[in-house]
Amino acid sequence: MGDARRSGEDEGLPDDIWEKFEKDSWGRIDETAPHEPSARARMVEERFRREEAAARAAKPKRKPRRPRRPRASLSDGRLRTVLITIAVIGGMIAVSALAAWLQYGRVF
């Protein structure tokens, strides 16, 4: 069998099959090959990038926000002080209303 290949008797694939293979292969290569953008497309894309960068640079910048203070929690000393103050004032109002009721028989 090795002698048959050397002498040219067994050439492998027939020409019509070989042509079909080449045609199909090149067709698939053309379909799947990545396409490079043209020089004009690259120039337009670069111009758009420069215009976007210029527009971003021309935009007024926002002032940075101040960080928010955390809200007071129940364990915070100030909140506890406020609650105690409200309770004391409420107690004083209740005692005053009771004293007015006892002395004058009416509150308001």
PDB file of N, CA and C in Angstrom:
ATOM      1  N   MET A   1       0.812  -1.177   0.000  1.00  0.00           N
ATOM      2  CA  MET A   1       0.000   0.000   0.000  1.00  0.00           C
ATOM      3  C   MET A   1       0.861   1.248   0.000  1.00  0.00           C
ATOM      4  N   GLY A   2       1.948   1.259   0.696  1.00  0.00           N
ATOM      5  CA  GLY A   2       2.853   2.391   0.681  1.00  0.00           C
ATOM      6  C   GLY A   2       3.386   2.656  -0.711  1.00  0.00           C
ATOM      7  N   ASP A   3       3.574   1.593  -1.515  1.00  0.00           N
ATOM      8  CA  ASP A   3       4.072   1.754  -2.874  1.00  0.00           C
ATOM      9  C   ASP A   3       3.039   2.415  -3.765  1.00  0.00           C
ATOM     10  N   ALA A   4       1.758   2.176  -3.497  1.00  0.00           N
ATOM     11  CA  ALA A   4       0.706   2.750  -4.329  1.00  0.00           C
ATOM     12  C   ALA A   4       0.671   4.265  -4.177  1.00  0.00           C
ATOM     13  N   ARG A   5       0.929   4.775  -3.001  1.00  0.00           N
ATOM     14  CA  ARG A   5       0.933   6.235  -2.807  1.00  0.00           C
ATOM     15  C   ARG A   5       2.122   6.866  -3.498  1.00  0.00           C
ATOM     16  N   ARG A   6       3.235   6.205  -3.460  1.00  0.00           N
ATOM     17  CA  ARG A   6       4.436   6.761  -4.084  1.00  0.00           C
ATOM     18  C   ARG A   6       4.311   6.812  -5.596  1.00  0.00           C
ATOM     19  N   SER A   7       3.681   5.842  -6.155  1.00  0.00           N
ATOM     20  CA  SER A   7       3.608   5.784  -7.608  1.00  0.00           C
ATOM     21  C   SER A   7       2.519   6.683  -8.180  1.00  0.00           C
ATOM     22  N   GLY A   8       1.566   7.195  -7.321  1.00  0.00           N
ATOM     23  CA  GLY A   8       0.535   8.092  -7.800  1.00  0.00           C
ATOM     24  C   GLY A   8      -0.722   7.378  -8.208  1.00  0.00           C
ATOM     25  N   GLU A   9      -0.826   6.071  -7.998  1.00  0.00           N
ATOM     26  CA  GLU A   9      -2.030   5.350  -8.367  1.00  0.00           C
ATOM     27  C   GLU A   9      -3.202   5.741  -7.477  1.00  0.00           C
ATOM     28  N   ASP A  10      -2.959   5.886  -6.159  1.00  0.00           N
ATOM     29  CA  ASP A  10      -4.035   6.239  -5.229  1.00  0.00           C
ATOM     30  C   ASP A  10      -3.835   7.700  -4.823  1.00  0.00           C
ATOM     31  N   GLU A  11      -4.574   8.600  -5.405  1.00  0.00           N
ATOM     32  CA  GLU A  11      -4.371  10.024  -5.156  1.00  0.00           C
ATOM     33  C   GLU A  11      -5.216  10.563  -4.019  1.00  0.00           C
ATOM     34  N   GLY A  12      -6.048   9.789  -3.403  1.00  0.00           N
ATOM     35  CA  GLY A  12      -6.856  10.248  -2.288  1.00  0.00           C
ATOM     36  C   GLY A  12      -8.242  10.653  -2.752  1.00  0.00           C
ATOM     37  N   LEU A  13      -8.637  11.904  -2.470  1.00  0.00           N
ATOM     38  CA  LEU A  13      -9.978  12.405  -2.788  1.00  0.00           C
ATOM     39  C   LEU A  13     -10.079  12.808  -4.253  1.00  0.00           C
ATOM     40  N   PRO A  14     -11.227  12.560  -4.880  1.00  0.00           N
ATOM     41  CA  PRO A  14     -11.439  13.039  -6.258  1.00  0.00           C
ATOM     42  C   PRO A  14     -11.497  14.573  -6.285  1.00  0.00           C
ATOM     43  N   ASP A  15     -11.259  15.140  -7.430  1.00  0.00           N
ATOM     44  CA  ASP A  15     -11.196  16.596  -7.573  1.00  0.00           C
ATOM     45  C   ASP A  15     -12.507  17.281  -7.192  1.00  0.00           C
ATOM     46  N   ASP A  16     -13.641  16.735  -7.580  1.00  0.00           N
ATOM     47  CA  ASP A  16     -14.916  17.394  -7.282  1.00  0.00           C
ATOM     48  C   ASP A  16     -15.176  17.429  -5.772  1.00  0.00           C
ATOM     49  N   ILE A  17     -14.804  16.386  -5.058  1.00  0.00           N
ATOM     50  CA  ILE A  17     -14.973  16.386  -3.596  1.00  0.00           C
ATOM     51  C   ILE A  17     -14.001  17.370  -2.959  1.00  0.00           C
ATOM     52  N   TRP A  18     -12.771  17.406  -3.475  1.00  0.00           N
ATOM     53  CA  TRP A  18     -11.771  18.328  -2.942  1.00  0.00           C
ATOM     54  C   TRP A  18     -12.213  19.782  -3.151  1.00  0.00           C
ATOM     55  N   GLU A  19     -12.767  20.107  -4.317  1.00  0.00           N
ATOM     56  CA  GLU A  19     -13.247  21.460  -4.602  1.00  0.00           C
ATOM     57  C   GLU A  19     -14.412  21.831  -3.683  1.00  0.00           C
ATOM     58  N   LYS A  20     -15.311  20.868  -3.475  1.00  0.00           N
ATOM     59  CA  LYS A  20     -16.438  21.123  -2.568  1.00  0.00           C
ATOM     60  C   LYS A  20     -15.931  21.385  -1.147  1.00  0.00           C
ATOM     61  N   PHE A  21     -14.927  20.609  -0.724  1.00  0.00           N
ATOM     62  CA  PHE A  21     -14.348  20.808   0.605  1.00  0.00           C
ATOM     63  C   PHE A  21     -13.733  22.205   0.730  1.00  0.00           C
ATOM     64  N   GLU A  22     -12.959  22.603  -0.286  1.00  0.00           N
ATOM     65  CA  GLU A  22     -12.328  23.926  -0.251  1.00  0.00           C
ATOM     66  C   GLU A  22     -13.384  25.037  -0.232  1.00  0.00           C
ATOM     67  N   LYS A  23     -14.413  24.894  -1.054  1.00  0.00           N
ATOM     68  CA  LYS A  23     -15.470  25.907  -1.131  1.00  0.00           C
ATOM     69  C   LYS A  23     -16.201  26.027   0.213  1.00  0.00           C
ATOM     70  N   ASP A  24     -16.567  24.884   0.802  1.00  0.00           N
ATOM     71  CA  ASP A  24     -17.251  24.903   2.095  1.00  0.00           C
ATOM     72  C   ASP A  24     -16.365  25.470   3.192  1.00  0.00           C
ATOM     73  N   SER A  25     -15.105  25.110   3.198  1.00  0.00           N
ATOM     74  CA  SER A  25     -14.182  25.597   4.235  1.00  0.00           C
ATOM     75  C   SER A  25     -13.999  27.095   4.144  1.00  0.00           C
ATOM     76  N   TRP A  26     -13.782  27.613   2.926  1.00  0.00           N
ATOM     77  CA  TRP A  26     -13.594  29.053   2.780  1.00  0.00           C
ATOM     78  C   TRP A  26     -14.866  29.804   3.122  1.00  0.00           C
ATOM     79  N   GLY A  27     -16.016  29.227   2.777  1.00  0.00           N
ATOM     80  CA  GLY A  27     -17.283  29.873   3.113  1.00  0.00           C
ATOM     81  C   GLY A  27     -17.461  30.000   4.612  1.00  0.00           C
ATOM     82  N   ARG A  28     -17.116  28.955   5.341  1.00  0.00           N
ATOM     83  CA  ARG A  28     -17.238  29.018   6.805  1.00  0.00           C
ATOM     84  C   ARG A  28     -16.224  29.980   7.406  1.00  0.00           C
ATOM     85  N   ILE A  29     -15.042  30.012   6.834  1.00  0.00           N
ATOM     86  CA  ILE A  29     -14.024  30.930   7.338  1.00  0.00           C
ATOM     87  C   ILE A  29     -14.496  32.366   7.159  1.00  0.00           C
ATOM     88  N   ASP A  30     -15.056  32.682   6.004  1.00  0.00           N
ATOM     89  CA  ASP A  30     -15.542  34.042   5.774  1.00  0.00           C
ATOM     90  C   ASP A  30     -16.671  34.407   6.727  1.00  0.00           C
ATOM     91  N   GLU A  31     -17.532  33.431   7.045  1.00  0.00           N
ATOM     92  CA  GLU A  31     -18.658  33.715   7.941  1.00  0.00           C
ATOM     93  C   GLU A  31     -18.219  33.904   9.385  1.00  0.00           C
ATOM     94  N   THR A  32     -17.253  33.118   9.822  1.00  0.00           N
ATOM     95  CA  THR A  32     -16.886  33.128  11.240  1.00  0.00           C
ATOM     96  C   THR A  32     -15.685  33.996  11.560  1.00  0.00           C
ATOM     97  N   ALA A  33     -14.981  34.469  10.555  1.00  0.00           N
ATOM     98  CA  ALA A  33     -13.781  35.273  10.816  1.00  0.00           C
ATOM     99  C   ALA A  33     -14.181  36.628  11.390  1.00  0.00           C
ATOM    100  N   PRO A  34     -13.421  37.142  12.365  1.00  0.00           N
ATOM    101  CA  PRO A  34     -13.730  38.471  12.890  1.00  0.00           C
ATOM    102  C   PRO A  34     -13.444  39.527  11.828  1.00  0.00           C
ATOM    103  N   HIS A  35     -14.299  40.514  11.769  1.00  0.00           N
ATOM    104  CA  HIS A  35     -14.147  41.570  10.772  1.00  0.00           C
ATOM    105  C   HIS A  35     -13.557  42.801  11.438  1.00  0.00           C
ATOM    106  N   GLU A  36     -12.487  43.294  10.878  1.00  0.00           N
ATOM    107  CA  GLU A  36     -11.849  44.510  11.385  1.00  0.00           C
ATOM    108  C   GLU A  36     -12.623  45.722  10.872  1.00  0.00           C
ATOM    109  N   PRO A  37     -12.788  46.755  11.710  1.00  0.00           N
ATOM    110  CA  PRO A  37     -13.451  47.962  11.219  1.00  0.00           C
ATOM    111  C   PRO A  37     -12.552  48.686  10.221  1.00  0.00           C
ATOM    112  N   SER A  38     -13.182  49.413   9.342  1.00  0.00           N
ATOM    113  CA  SER A  38     -12.414  50.147   8.348  1.00  0.00           C
ATOM    114  C   SER A  38     -11.694  51.319   9.008  1.00  0.00           C
ATOM    115  N   ALA A  39     -10.774  51.906   8.273  1.00  0.00           N
ATOM    116  CA  ALA A  39     -10.034  53.050   8.806  1.00  0.00           C
ATOM    117  C   ALA A  39     -10.991  54.197   9.099  1.00  0.00           C
ATOM    118  N   ARG A  40     -11.977  54.402   8.259  1.00  0.00           N
ATOM    119  CA  ARG A  40     -12.960  55.467   8.488  1.00  0.00           C
ATOM    120  C   ARG A  40     -13.753  55.191   9.762  1.00  0.00           C
ATOM    121  N   ALA A  41     -14.167  53.942   9.960  1.00  0.00           N
ATOM    122  CA  ALA A  41     -14.908  53.602  11.177  1.00  0.00           C
ATOM    123  C   ALA A  41     -14.055  53.836  12.418  1.00  0.00           C
ATOM    124  N   ARG A  42     -12.778  53.510  12.349  1.00  0.00           N
ATOM    125  CA  ARG A  42     -11.892  53.756  13.497  1.00  0.00           C
ATOM    126  C   ARG A  42     -11.742  55.252  13.765  1.00  0.00           C
ATOM    127  N   MET A  43     -11.656  56.058  12.694  1.00  0.00           N
ATOM    128  CA  MET A  43     -11.537  57.508  12.883  1.00  0.00           C
ATOM    129  C   MET A  43     -12.807  58.075  13.510  1.00  0.00           C
ATOM    130  N   VAL A  44     -13.965  57.642  13.041  1.00  0.00           N
ATOM    131  CA  VAL A  44     -15.237  58.125  13.591  1.00  0.00           C
ATOM    132  C   VAL A  44     -15.366  57.720  15.052  1.00  0.00           C
ATOM    133  N   GLU A  45     -14.996  56.494  15.371  1.00  0.00           N
ATOM    134  CA  GLU A  45     -15.076  56.027  16.756  1.00  0.00           C
ATOM    135  C   GLU A  45     -14.154  56.836  17.655  1.00  0.00           C
ATOM    136  N   GLU A  46     -12.963  57.136  17.184  1.00  0.00           N
ATOM    137  CA  GLU A  46     -12.028  57.940  17.982  1.00  0.00           C
ATOM    138  C   GLU A  46     -12.572  59.358  18.187  1.00  0.00           C
ATOM    139  N   ARG A  47     -13.190  59.925  17.138  1.00  0.00           N
ATOM    140  CA  ARG A  47     -13.771  61.263  17.270  1.00  0.00           C
ATOM    141  C   ARG A  47     -14.902  61.266  18.300  1.00  0.00           C
ATOM    142  N   PHE A  48     -15.760  60.235  18.276  1.00  0.00           N
ATOM    143  CA  PHE A  48     -16.838  60.139  19.270  1.00  0.00           C
ATOM    144  C   PHE A  48     -16.271  60.037  20.677  1.00  0.00           C
ATOM    145  N   ARG A  49     -15.212  59.270  20.847  1.00  0.00           N
ATOM    146  CA  ARG A  49     -14.596  59.150  22.176  1.00  0.00           C
ATOM    147  C   ARG A  49     -14.083  60.495  22.666  1.00  0.00           C
ATOM    148  N   ARG A  50     -13.420  61.233  21.759  1.00  0.00           N
ATOM    149  CA  ARG A  50     -12.911  62.558  22.159  1.00  0.00           C
ATOM    150  C   ARG A  50     -14.047  63.505  22.505  1.00  0.00           C
ATOM    151  N   GLU A  51     -15.141  63.468  21.725  1.00  0.00           N
ATOM    152  CA  GLU A  51     -16.281  64.344  22.005  1.00  0.00           C
ATOM    153  C   GLU A  51     -16.932  63.995  23.341  1.00  0.00           C
ATOM    154  N   GLU A  52     -17.058  62.708  23.630  1.00  0.00           N
ATOM    155  CA  GLU A  52     -17.629  62.293  24.923  1.00  0.00           C
ATOM    156  C   GLU A  52     -16.743  62.730  26.079  1.00  0.00           C
ATOM    157  N   ALA A  53     -15.428  62.594  25.899  1.00  0.00           N
ATOM    158  CA  ALA A  53     -14.508  63.014  26.960  1.00  0.00           C
ATOM    159  C   ALA A  53     -14.593  64.524  27.176  1.00  0.00           C
ATOM    160  N   ALA A  54     -14.702  65.289  26.090  1.00  0.00           N
ATOM    161  CA  ALA A  54     -14.822  66.742  26.212  1.00  0.00           C
ATOM    162  C   ALA A  54     -16.143  67.121  26.883  1.00  0.00           C
ATOM    163  N   ALA A  55     -17.214  66.413  26.551  1.00  0.00           N
ATOM    164  CA  ALA A  55     -18.521  66.701  27.160  1.00  0.00           C
ATOM    165  C   ALA A  55     -18.490  66.385  28.653  1.00  0.00           C
ATOM    166  N   ARG A  56     -17.835  65.276  29.022  1.00  0.00           N
ATOM    167  CA  ARG A  56     -17.732  64.935  30.443  1.00  0.00           C
ATOM    168  C   ARG A  56     -16.893  65.961  31.192  1.00  0.00           C
ATOM    169  N   ALA A  57     -15.835  66.456  30.543  1.00  0.00           N
ATOM    170  CA  ALA A  57     -14.969  67.436  31.199  1.00  0.00           C
ATOM    171  C   ALA A  57     -15.677  68.783  31.344  1.00  0.00           C
ATOM    172  N   ALA A  58     -16.569  69.114  30.402  1.00  0.00           N
ATOM    173  CA  ALA A  58     -17.266  70.395  30.441  1.00  0.00           C
ATOM    174  C   ALA A  58     -18.429  70.396  31.423  1.00  0.00           C
ATOM    175  N   LYS A  59     -18.902  69.223  31.812  1.00  0.00           N
ATOM    176  CA  LYS A  59     -20.028  69.122  32.732  1.00  0.00           C
ATOM    177  C   LYS A  59     -19.623  69.649  34.100  1.00  0.00           C
ATOM    178  N   PRO A  60     -20.479  70.469  34.727  1.00  0.00           N
ATOM    179  CA  PRO A  60     -20.118  70.940  36.072  1.00  0.00           C
ATOM    180  C   PRO A  60     -20.115  69.770  37.049  1.00  0.00           C
ATOM    181  N   LYS A  61     -19.124  69.798  37.904  1.00  0.00           N
ATOM    182  CA  LYS A  61     -18.997  68.704  38.863  1.00  0.00           C
ATOM    183  C   LYS A  61     -19.857  68.989  40.079  1.00  0.00           C
ATOM    184  N   ARG A  62     -20.419  67.946  40.641  1.00  0.00           N
ATOM    185  CA  ARG A  62     -21.235  68.082  41.840  1.00  0.00           C
ATOM    186  C   ARG A  62     -20.353  68.304  43.048  1.00  0.00           C
ATOM    187  N   LYS A  63     -20.930  69.047  43.988  1.00  0.00           N
ATOM    188  CA  LYS A  63     -20.231  69.181  45.245  1.00  0.00           C
ATOM    189  C   LYS A  63     -20.302  67.847  45.971  1.00  0.00           C
ATOM    190  N   PRO A  64     -19.242  67.463  46.606  1.00  0.00           N
ATOM    191  CA  PRO A  64     -19.330  66.204  47.347  1.00  0.00           C
ATOM    192  C   PRO A  64     -20.281  66.351  48.529  1.00  0.00           C
ATOM    193  N   ARG A  65     -21.061  65.333  48.752  1.00  0.00           N
ATOM    194  CA  ARG A  65     -22.027  65.378  49.846  1.00  0.00           C
ATOM    195  C   ARG A  65     -21.325  65.204  51.176  1.00  0.00           C
ATOM    196  N   ARG A  66     -21.877  65.908  52.148  1.00  0.00           N
ATOM    197  CA  ARG A  66     -21.375  65.704  53.501  1.00  0.00           C
ATOM    198  C   ARG A  66     -21.894  64.371  54.000  1.00  0.00           C
ATOM    199  N   PRO A  67     -21.094  63.662  54.716  1.00  0.00           N
ATOM    200  CA  PRO A  67     -21.611  62.402  55.257  1.00  0.00           C
ATOM    201  C   PRO A  67     -22.692  62.679  56.294  1.00  0.00           C
ATOM    202  N   ARG A  68     -23.737  61.896  56.257  1.00  0.00           N
ATOM    203  CA  ARG A  68     -24.838  62.086  57.198  1.00  0.00           C
ATOM    204  C   ARG A  68     -24.423  61.633  58.584  1.00  0.00           C
ATOM    205  N   ARG A  69     -24.951  62.367  59.553  1.00  0.00           N
ATOM    206  CA  ARG A  69     -24.717  61.938  60.923  1.00  0.00           C
ATOM    207  C   ARG A  69     -25.582  60.721  61.191  1.00  0.00           C
ATOM    208  N   PRO A  70     -25.075  59.782  61.914  1.00  0.00           N
ATOM    209  CA  PRO A  70     -25.921  58.620  62.221  1.00  0.00           C
ATOM    210  C   PRO A  70     -27.060  59.026  63.149  1.00  0.00           C
ATOM    211  N   ARG A  71     -28.200  58.416  62.958  1.00  0.00           N
ATOM    212  CA  ARG A  71     -29.345  58.718  63.812  1.00  0.00           C
ATOM    213  C   ARG A  71     -29.087  58.207  65.216  1.00  0.00           C
ATOM    214  N   ALA A  72     -29.691  58.905  66.150  1.00  0.00           N
ATOM    215  CA  ALA A  72     -29.504  58.519  67.544  1.00  0.00           C
ATOM    216  C   ALA A  72     -30.192  57.183  67.799  1.00  0.00           C
ATOM    217  N   SER A  73     -29.536  56.348  68.517  1.00  0.00           N
ATOM    218  CA  SER A  73     -30.130  55.064  68.871  1.00  0.00           C
ATOM    219  C   SER A  73     -30.560  55.103  70.335  1.00  0.00           C
ATOM    220  N   LEU A  74     -31.251  54.069  70.782  1.00  0.00           N
ATOM    221  CA  LEU A  74     -31.730  54.031  72.166  1.00  0.00           C
ATOM    222  C   LEU A  74     -30.585  54.022  73.167  1.00  0.00           C
ATOM    223  N   SER A  75     -29.463  53.540  72.773  1.00  0.00           N
ATOM    224  CA  SER A  75     -28.339  53.498  73.698  1.00  0.00           C
ATOM    225  C   SER A  75     -27.596  54.827  73.748  1.00  0.00           C
ATOM    226  N   ASP A  76     -27.972  55.757  72.881  1.00  0.00           N
ATOM    227  CA  ASP A  76     -27.296  57.052  72.857  1.00  0.00           C
ATOM    228  C   ASP A  76     -27.709  57.875  74.079  1.00  0.00           C
ATOM    229  N   GLY A  77     -26.783  58.537  74.714  1.00  0.00           N
ATOM    230  CA  GLY A  77     -27.053  59.317  75.925  1.00  0.00           C
ATOM    231  C   GLY A  77     -27.989  60.482  75.691  1.00  0.00           C
ATOM    232  N   ARG A  78     -27.886  61.117  74.511  1.00  0.00           N
ATOM    233  CA  ARG A  78     -28.759  62.266  74.235  1.00  0.00           C
ATOM    234  C   ARG A  78     -30.219  61.849  74.147  1.00  0.00           C
ATOM    235  N   LEU A  79     -30.491  60.732  73.521  1.00  0.00           N
ATOM    236  CA  LEU A  79     -31.869  60.278  73.405  1.00  0.00           C
ATOM    237  C   LEU A  79     -32.445  59.949  74.790  1.00  0.00           C
ATOM    238  N   ARG A  80     -31.640  59.325  75.598  1.00  0.00           N
ATOM    239  CA  ARG A  80     -32.089  58.998  76.952  1.00  0.00           C
ATOM    240  C   ARG A  80     -32.409  60.279  77.725  1.00  0.00           C
ATOM    241  N   THR A  81     -31.567  61.295  77.570  1.00  0.00           N
ATOM    242  CA  THR A  81     -31.800  62.571  78.250  1.00  0.00           C
ATOM    243  C   THR A  81     -33.107  63.204  77.783  1.00  0.00           C
ATOM    244  N   VAL A  82     -33.372  63.176  76.486  1.00  0.00           N
ATOM    245  CA  VAL A  82     -34.605  63.753  75.940  1.00  0.00           C
ATOM    246  C   VAL A  82     -35.817  63.011  76.496  1.00  0.00           C
ATOM    247  N   LEU A  83     -35.755  61.689  76.519  1.00  0.00           N
ATOM    248  CA  LEU A  83     -36.888  60.915  77.032  1.00  0.00           C
ATOM    249  C   LEU A  83     -37.143  61.193  78.513  1.00  0.00           C
ATOM    250  N   ILE A  84     -36.092  61.315  79.291  1.00  0.00           N
ATOM    251  CA  ILE A  84     -36.251  61.621  80.724  1.00  0.00           C
ATOM    252  C   ILE A  84     -36.841  63.012  80.902  1.00  0.00           C
ATOM    253  N   THR A  85     -36.387  63.968  80.100  1.00  0.00           N
ATOM    254  CA  THR A  85     -36.907  65.335  80.180  1.00  0.00           C
ATOM    255  C   THR A  85     -38.394  65.359  79.840  1.00  0.00           C
ATOM    256  N   ILE A  86     -38.800  64.644  78.796  1.00  0.00           N
ATOM    257  CA  ILE A  86     -40.217  64.588  78.422  1.00  0.00           C
ATOM    258  C   ILE A  86     -41.036  63.972  79.547  1.00  0.00           C
ATOM    259  N   ALA A  87     -40.517  62.921  80.159  1.00  0.00           N
ATOM    260  CA  ALA A  87     -41.239  62.276  81.256  1.00  0.00           C
ATOM    261  C   ALA A  87     -41.389  63.218  82.456  1.00  0.00           C
ATOM    262  N   VAL A  88     -40.340  63.968  82.790  1.00  0.00           N
ATOM    263  CA  VAL A  88     -40.392  64.897  83.930  1.00  0.00           C
ATOM    264  C   VAL A  88     -41.392  66.008  83.645  1.00  0.00           C
ATOM    265  N   ILE A  89     -41.344  66.582  82.438  1.00  0.00           N
ATOM    266  CA  ILE A  89     -42.276  67.656  82.096  1.00  0.00           C
ATOM    267  C   ILE A  89     -43.713  67.131  82.105  1.00  0.00           C
ATOM    268  N   GLY A  90     -43.929  65.955  81.568  1.00  0.00           N
ATOM    269  CA  GLY A  90     -45.267  65.361  81.580  1.00  0.00           C
ATOM    270  C   GLY A  90     -45.755  65.121  83.005  1.00  0.00           C
ATOM    271  N   GLY A  91     -44.858  64.685  83.868  1.00  0.00           N
ATOM    272  CA  GLY A  91     -45.223  64.493  85.273  1.00  0.00           C
ATOM    273  C   GLY A  91     -45.583  65.805  85.953  1.00  0.00           C
ATOM    274  N   MET A  92     -44.824  66.863  85.637  1.00  0.00           N
ATOM    275  CA  MET A  92     -45.105  68.172  86.231  1.00  0.00           C
ATOM    276  C   MET A  92     -46.465  68.691  85.763  1.00  0.00           C
ATOM    277  N   ILE A  93     -46.788  68.485  84.496  1.00  0.00           N
ATOM    278  CA  ILE A  93     -48.089  68.923  83.978  1.00  0.00           C
ATOM    279  C   ILE A  93     -49.203  68.142  84.664  1.00  0.00           C
ATOM    280  N   ALA A  94     -49.000  66.847  84.845  1.00  0.00           N
ATOM    281  CA  ALA A  94     -50.018  66.027  85.497  1.00  0.00           C
ATOM    282  C   ALA A  94     -50.217  66.459  86.949  1.00  0.00           C
ATOM    283  N   VAL A  95     -49.132  66.744  87.653  1.00  0.00           N
ATOM    284  CA  VAL A  95     -49.237  67.196  89.060  1.00  0.00           C
ATOM    285  C   VAL A  95     -49.925  68.553  89.121  1.00  0.00           C
ATOM    286  N   SER A  96     -49.601  69.462  88.192  1.00  0.00           N
ATOM    287  CA  SER A  96     -50.233  70.784  88.175  1.00  0.00           C
ATOM    288  C   SER A  96     -51.728  70.657  87.890  1.00  0.00           C
ATOM    289  N   ALA A  97     -52.090  69.779  86.953  1.00  0.00           N
ATOM    290  CA  ALA A  97     -53.503  69.579  86.639  1.00  0.00           C
ATOM    291  C   ALA A  97     -54.232  69.002  87.846  1.00  0.00           C
ATOM    292  N   LEU A  98     -53.607  68.087  88.563  1.00  0.00           N
ATOM    293  CA  LEU A  98     -54.218  67.504  89.757  1.00  0.00           C
ATOM    294  C   LEU A  98     -54.379  68.560  90.842  1.00  0.00           C
ATOM    295  N   ALA A  99     -53.363  69.420  91.015  1.00  0.00           N
ATOM    296  CA  ALA A  99     -53.454  70.477  92.029  1.00  0.00           C
ATOM    297  C   ALA A  99     -54.563  71.455  91.673  1.00  0.00           C
ATOM    298  N   ALA A 100     -54.692  71.822  90.398  1.00  0.00           N
ATOM    299  CA  ALA A 100     -55.756  72.742  89.977  1.00  0.00           C
ATOM    300  C   ALA A 100     -57.119  72.104  90.189  1.00  0.00           C
ATOM    301  N   TRP A 101     -57.243  70.850  89.931  1.00  0.00           N
ATOM    302  CA  TRP A 101     -58.514  70.159  90.113  1.00  0.00           C
ATOM    303  C   TRP A 101     -58.893  70.081  91.587  1.00  0.00           C
ATOM    304  N   LEU A 102     -57.890  69.801  92.408  1.00  0.00           N
ATOM    305  CA  LEU A 102     -58.162  69.740  93.865  1.00  0.00           C
ATOM    306  C   LEU A 102     -58.512  71.110  94.433  1.00  0.00           C
ATOM    307  N   GLN A 103     -57.849  72.157  93.963  1.00  0.00           N
ATOM    308  CA  GLN A 103     -58.063  73.501  94.532  1.00  0.00           C
ATOM    309  C   GLN A 103     -59.320  74.173  93.971  1.00  0.00           C
ATOM    310  N   TYR A 104     -59.505  74.091  92.641  1.00  0.00           N
ATOM    311  CA  TYR A 104     -60.608  74.849  92.024  1.00  0.00           C
ATOM    312  C   TYR A 104     -61.744  73.945  91.539  1.00  0.00           C
ATOM    313  N   GLY A 105     -61.548  72.686  91.529  1.00  0.00           N
ATOM    314  CA  GLY A 105     -62.585  71.771  91.085  1.00  0.00           C
ATOM    315  C   GLY A 105     -62.627  71.588  89.577  1.00  0.00           C
ATOM    316  N   ARG A 106     -61.768  72.253  88.861  1.00  0.00           N
ATOM    317  CA  ARG A 106     -61.653  72.064  87.415  1.00  0.00           C
ATOM    318  C   ARG A 106     -60.217  72.302  86.998  1.00  0.00           C
ATOM    319  N   VAL A 107     -59.845  71.759  85.857  1.00  0.00           N
ATOM    320  CA  VAL A 107     -58.462  71.869  85.409  1.00  0.00           C
ATOM    321  C   VAL A 107     -58.284  73.099  84.517  1.00  0.00           C
ATOM    322  N   PHE A 108     -59.200  73.321  83.571  1.00  0.00           N
ATOM    323  CA  PHE A 108     -59.050  74.462  82.641  1.00  0.00           C
ATOM    324  C   PHE A 108     -60.167  75.442  82.820  1.00  0.00           C
TER     325      PHE A 108
END
